[in-house]
Amino acid sequence: MSSRRGGTVVFVLTMLAAGGAFAQQKPTSLETARWAAGINAESPAGKEWKERHSEAVGKLLVPVLGKCLPEGGEEVTAFSVFLRLSRTGRILEVLTDLDETSLGTCMTLAARDLQLPPPPRDDYWVQLNLAAPL
């Protein structure tokens, strides 16, 4: 009976560990995104990617941003957008340096199917500076 109980405990622990692997990833902190984007922008491959693609990426993000902005914005505000990209150029996460986290959440969902140029590696953070009426 003791070995049967031991097998059940191992099975339960295995299931708990596997369940943790499928849990949704915790959102990245703004500080981490800013740090990673800064490091990427300073690397030779990052400099080349940003020079070649930042204007096109900014143009692709304008409609996404438009879907997520509050109605009746009064003043044009400059802000930074941090994008976490997959190796294939899919947007995995969007953060902004504005206090309102809902803008980044909305942009993450709205940009889900947007295809950007592939970055130098997977899990790649890039910073873009935008302005919009808020």
C-alpha atoms as a PDB file:
ATOM      1  CA  MET A   1       0.000   0.000   0.000  1.00  0.00           C
ATOM      2  CA  SER A   2       2.895   2.287   0.757  1.00  0.00           C
ATOM      3  CA  SER A   3       4.302   1.993  -2.788  1.00  0.00           C
ATOM      4  CA  ARG A   4       0.877   2.738  -4.271  1.00  0.00           C
ATOM      5  CA  ARG A   5       0.578   5.915  -2.199  1.00  0.00           C
ATOM      6  CA  GLY A   6       4.133   6.895  -3.231  1.00  0.00           C
ATOM      7  CA  GLY A   7       3.192   6.445  -6.897  1.00  0.00           C
ATOM      8  CA  THR A   8       0.132   8.660  -6.394  1.00  0.00           C
ATOM      9  CA  VAL A   9       2.227  11.377  -4.773  1.00  0.00           C
ATOM     10  CA  VAL A  10       4.714  11.306  -7.662  1.00  0.00           C
ATOM     11  CA  PHE A  11       1.840  11.453 -10.177  1.00  0.00           C
ATOM     12  CA  VAL A  12       0.232  14.437  -8.390  1.00  0.00           C
ATOM     13  CA  LEU A  13       3.550  16.290  -8.180  1.00  0.00           C
ATOM     14  CA  THR A  14       4.189  15.623 -11.881  1.00  0.00           C
ATOM     15  CA  MET A  15       0.745  16.973 -12.796  1.00  0.00           C
ATOM     16  CA  LEU A  16       1.311  20.090 -10.689  1.00  0.00           C
ATOM     17  CA  ALA A  17       4.654  20.731 -12.358  1.00  0.00           C
ATOM     18  CA  ALA A  18       3.177  20.208 -15.825  1.00  0.00           C
ATOM     19  CA  GLY A  19       0.299  22.565 -15.035  1.00  0.00           C
ATOM     20  CA  GLY A  20       2.795  25.285 -14.181  1.00  0.00           C
ATOM     21  CA  ALA A  21       4.423  24.892 -17.583  1.00  0.00           C
ATOM     22  CA  PHE A  22       1.149  25.762 -19.297  1.00  0.00           C
ATOM     23  CA  ALA A  23       0.388  28.795 -17.147  1.00  0.00           C
ATOM     24  CA  GLN A  24       0.267  32.149 -18.916  1.00  0.00           C
ATOM     25  CA  GLN A  25       3.560  34.034 -18.904  1.00  0.00           C
ATOM     26  CA  LYS A  26       3.800  36.854 -16.397  1.00  0.00           C
ATOM     27  CA  PRO A  27       3.856  40.296 -18.095  1.00  0.00           C
ATOM     28  CA  THR A  28       7.266  41.886 -18.437  1.00  0.00           C
ATOM     29  CA  SER A  29       8.045  44.932 -16.329  1.00  0.00           C
ATOM     30  CA  LEU A  30       8.571  48.224 -18.129  1.00  0.00           C
ATOM     31  CA  GLU A  31      12.069  48.468 -16.659  1.00  0.00           C
ATOM     32  CA  THR A  32      13.017  45.071 -18.079  1.00  0.00           C
ATOM     33  CA  ALA A  33      11.602  45.941 -21.508  1.00  0.00           C
ATOM     34  CA  ARG A  34      13.450  49.286 -21.561  1.00  0.00           C
ATOM     35  CA  TRP A  35      16.708  47.602 -20.496  1.00  0.00           C
ATOM     36  CA  ALA A  36      16.424  44.797 -23.086  1.00  0.00           C
ATOM     37  CA  ALA A  37      15.460  47.205 -25.895  1.00  0.00           C
ATOM     38  CA  GLY A  38      18.452  49.389 -25.013  1.00  0.00           C
ATOM     39  CA  ILE A  39      20.860  46.467 -25.159  1.00  0.00           C
ATOM     40  CA  ASN A  40      19.369  45.271 -28.452  1.00  0.00           C
ATOM     41  CA  ALA A  41      19.574  48.772 -29.974  1.00  0.00           C
ATOM     42  CA  GLU A  42      23.289  48.976 -29.144  1.00  0.00           C
ATOM     43  CA  SER A  43      24.233  45.634 -30.712  1.00  0.00           C
ATOM     44  CA  PRO A  44      25.443  45.689 -34.327  1.00  0.00           C
ATOM     45  CA  ALA A  45      22.548  43.481 -35.479  1.00  0.00           C
ATOM     46  CA  GLY A  46      20.078  45.592 -33.487  1.00  0.00           C
ATOM     47  CA  LYS A  47      21.356  48.838 -34.972  1.00  0.00           C
ATOM     48  CA  GLU A  48      21.036  47.425 -38.467  1.00  0.00           C
ATOM     49  CA  TRP A  49      17.512  46.076 -37.806  1.00  0.00           C
ATOM     50  CA  LYS A  50      16.332  49.376 -36.353  1.00  0.00           C
ATOM     51  CA  GLU A  51      17.846  51.445 -39.192  1.00  0.00           C
ATOM     52  CA  ARG A  52      16.262  49.227 -41.813  1.00  0.00           C
ATOM     53  CA  HIS A  53      12.844  48.669 -40.239  1.00  0.00           C
ATOM     54  CA  SER A  54      11.841  51.226 -37.580  1.00  0.00           C
ATOM     55  CA  GLU A  55      10.041  53.544 -40.022  1.00  0.00           C
ATOM     56  CA  ALA A  56       8.050  50.674 -41.566  1.00  0.00           C
ATOM     57  CA  VAL A  57       7.243  49.225 -38.145  1.00  0.00           C
ATOM     58  CA  GLY A  58       6.036  52.628 -36.950  1.00  0.00           C
ATOM     59  CA  LYS A  59       3.705  52.877 -39.971  1.00  0.00           C
ATOM     60  CA  LEU A  60       2.347  49.392 -39.307  1.00  0.00           C
ATOM     61  CA  LEU A  61       1.653  50.284 -35.669  1.00  0.00           C
ATOM     62  CA  VAL A  62      -0.331  53.469 -36.411  1.00  0.00           C
ATOM     63  CA  PRO A  63      -3.604  51.607 -37.221  1.00  0.00           C
ATOM     64  CA  VAL A  64      -3.111  49.380 -34.164  1.00  0.00           C
ATOM     65  CA  LEU A  65      -2.597  52.437 -31.990  1.00  0.00           C
ATOM     66  CA  GLY A  66      -5.689  54.067 -33.518  1.00  0.00           C
ATOM     67  CA  LYS A  67      -7.837  51.100 -32.448  1.00  0.00           C
ATOM     68  CA  CYS A  68      -6.653  51.446 -28.862  1.00  0.00           C
ATOM     69  CA  LEU A  69      -6.636  55.195 -28.232  1.00  0.00           C
ATOM     70  CA  PRO A  70      -9.361  56.718 -26.077  1.00  0.00           C
ATOM     71  CA  GLU A  71     -11.948  58.829 -27.921  1.00  0.00           C
ATOM     72  CA  GLY A  72     -11.524  62.593 -27.850  1.00  0.00           C
ATOM     73  CA  GLY A  73      -7.869  62.866 -26.978  1.00  0.00           C
ATOM     74  CA  GLU A  74      -7.062  66.495 -26.300  1.00  0.00           C
ATOM     75  CA  GLU A  75      -3.304  66.868 -26.359  1.00  0.00           C
ATOM     76  CA  VAL A  76      -0.687  65.176 -28.509  1.00  0.00           C
ATOM     77  CA  THR A  77       1.593  63.240 -26.194  1.00  0.00           C
ATOM     78  CA  ALA A  78       4.914  61.624 -27.055  1.00  0.00           C
ATOM     79  CA  PHE A  79       5.563  58.215 -25.552  1.00  0.00           C
ATOM     80  CA  SER A  80       7.637  55.087 -26.042  1.00  0.00           C
ATOM     81  CA  VAL A  81       6.284  51.727 -27.141  1.00  0.00           C
ATOM     82  CA  PHE A  82       8.232  48.572 -26.346  1.00  0.00           C
ATOM     83  CA  LEU A  83       7.586  45.521 -28.536  1.00  0.00           C
ATOM     84  CA  ARG A  84       8.629  41.981 -27.711  1.00  0.00           C
ATOM     85  CA  LEU A  85       9.006  40.109 -30.992  1.00  0.00           C
ATOM     86  CA  SER A  86       9.246  36.446 -31.853  1.00  0.00           C
ATOM     87  CA  ARG A  87      11.967  35.213 -34.183  1.00  0.00           C
ATOM     88  CA  THR A  88       9.432  35.320 -37.028  1.00  0.00           C
ATOM     89  CA  GLY A  89       8.461  38.953 -36.392  1.00  0.00           C
ATOM     90  CA  ARG A  90       5.205  38.361 -34.518  1.00  0.00           C
ATOM     91  CA  ILE A  91       4.403  40.785 -31.701  1.00  0.00           C
ATOM     92  CA  LEU A  92       4.265  38.869 -28.436  1.00  0.00           C
ATOM     93  CA  GLU A  93       3.877  41.774 -26.005  1.00  0.00           C
ATOM     94  CA  VAL A  94       3.471  45.549 -26.108  1.00  0.00           C
ATOM     95  CA  LEU A  95       4.287  47.908 -23.243  1.00  0.00           C
ATOM     96  CA  THR A  96       4.141  51.697 -23.144  1.00  0.00           C
ATOM     97  CA  ASP A  97       5.764  54.174 -20.800  1.00  0.00           C
ATOM     98  CA  LEU A  98       2.386  55.801 -20.148  1.00  0.00           C
ATOM     99  CA  ASP A  99       0.714  55.215 -16.800  1.00  0.00           C
ATOM    100  CA  GLU A 100      -2.228  53.511 -18.490  1.00  0.00           C
ATOM    101  CA  THR A 101      -1.430  49.813 -18.923  1.00  0.00           C
ATOM    102  CA  SER A 102      -4.645  49.185 -20.847  1.00  0.00           C
ATOM    103  CA  LEU A 103      -3.111  50.809 -23.956  1.00  0.00           C
ATOM    104  CA  GLY A 104      -0.306  48.241 -24.040  1.00  0.00           C
ATOM    105  CA  THR A 105      -2.750  45.398 -23.393  1.00  0.00           C
ATOM    106  CA  CYS A 106      -5.054  46.599 -26.180  1.00  0.00           C
ATOM    107  CA  MET A 107      -2.125  46.993 -28.576  1.00  0.00           C
ATOM    108  CA  THR A 108      -0.856  43.493 -27.753  1.00  0.00           C
ATOM    109  CA  LEU A 109      -4.247  42.037 -28.711  1.00  0.00           C
ATOM    110  CA  ALA A 110      -4.759  44.297 -31.745  1.00  0.00           C
ATOM    111  CA  ALA A 111      -1.271  43.556 -33.114  1.00  0.00           C
ATOM    112  CA  ARG A 112      -1.553  39.803 -32.662  1.00  0.00           C
ATOM    113  CA  ASP A 113      -1.701  39.107 -36.418  1.00  0.00           C
ATOM    114  CA  LEU A 114       0.660  41.872 -37.496  1.00  0.00           C
ATOM    115  CA  GLN A 115       3.746  40.621 -39.319  1.00  0.00           C
ATOM    116  CA  LEU A 116       6.915  42.642 -38.734  1.00  0.00           C
ATOM    117  CA  PRO A 117      10.359  42.020 -40.225  1.00  0.00           C
ATOM    118  CA  PRO A 118      12.100  39.182 -38.388  1.00  0.00           C
ATOM    119  CA  PRO A 119      14.436  40.479 -35.663  1.00  0.00           C
ATOM    120  CA  PRO A 120      17.964  39.174 -35.056  1.00  0.00           C
ATOM    121  CA  ARG A 121      16.743  36.589 -32.515  1.00  0.00           C
ATOM    122  CA  ASP A 122      13.707  35.311 -30.598  1.00  0.00           C
ATOM    123  CA  ASP A 123      12.219  37.214 -27.642  1.00  0.00           C
ATOM    124  CA  TYR A 124      13.608  40.466 -29.047  1.00  0.00           C
ATOM    125  CA  TRP A 125      12.655  43.820 -27.494  1.00  0.00           C
ATOM    126  CA  VAL A 126      12.604  46.992 -29.566  1.00  0.00           C
ATOM    127  CA  GLN A 127      11.649  50.552 -28.573  1.00  0.00           C
ATOM    128  CA  LEU A 128       9.742  52.936 -30.844  1.00  0.00           C
ATOM    129  CA  ASN A 129       8.825  56.517 -30.042  1.00  0.00           C
ATOM    130  CA  LEU A 130       5.316  57.589 -31.035  1.00  0.00           C
ATOM    131  CA  ALA A 131       2.990  60.523 -30.473  1.00  0.00           C
ATOM    132  CA  ALA A 132      -0.802  60.465 -30.298  1.00  0.00           C
ATOM    133  CA  PRO A 133      -3.697  62.574 -28.973  1.00  0.00           C
ATOM    134  CA  LEU A 134      -4.395  61.392 -25.428  1.00  0.00           C
END
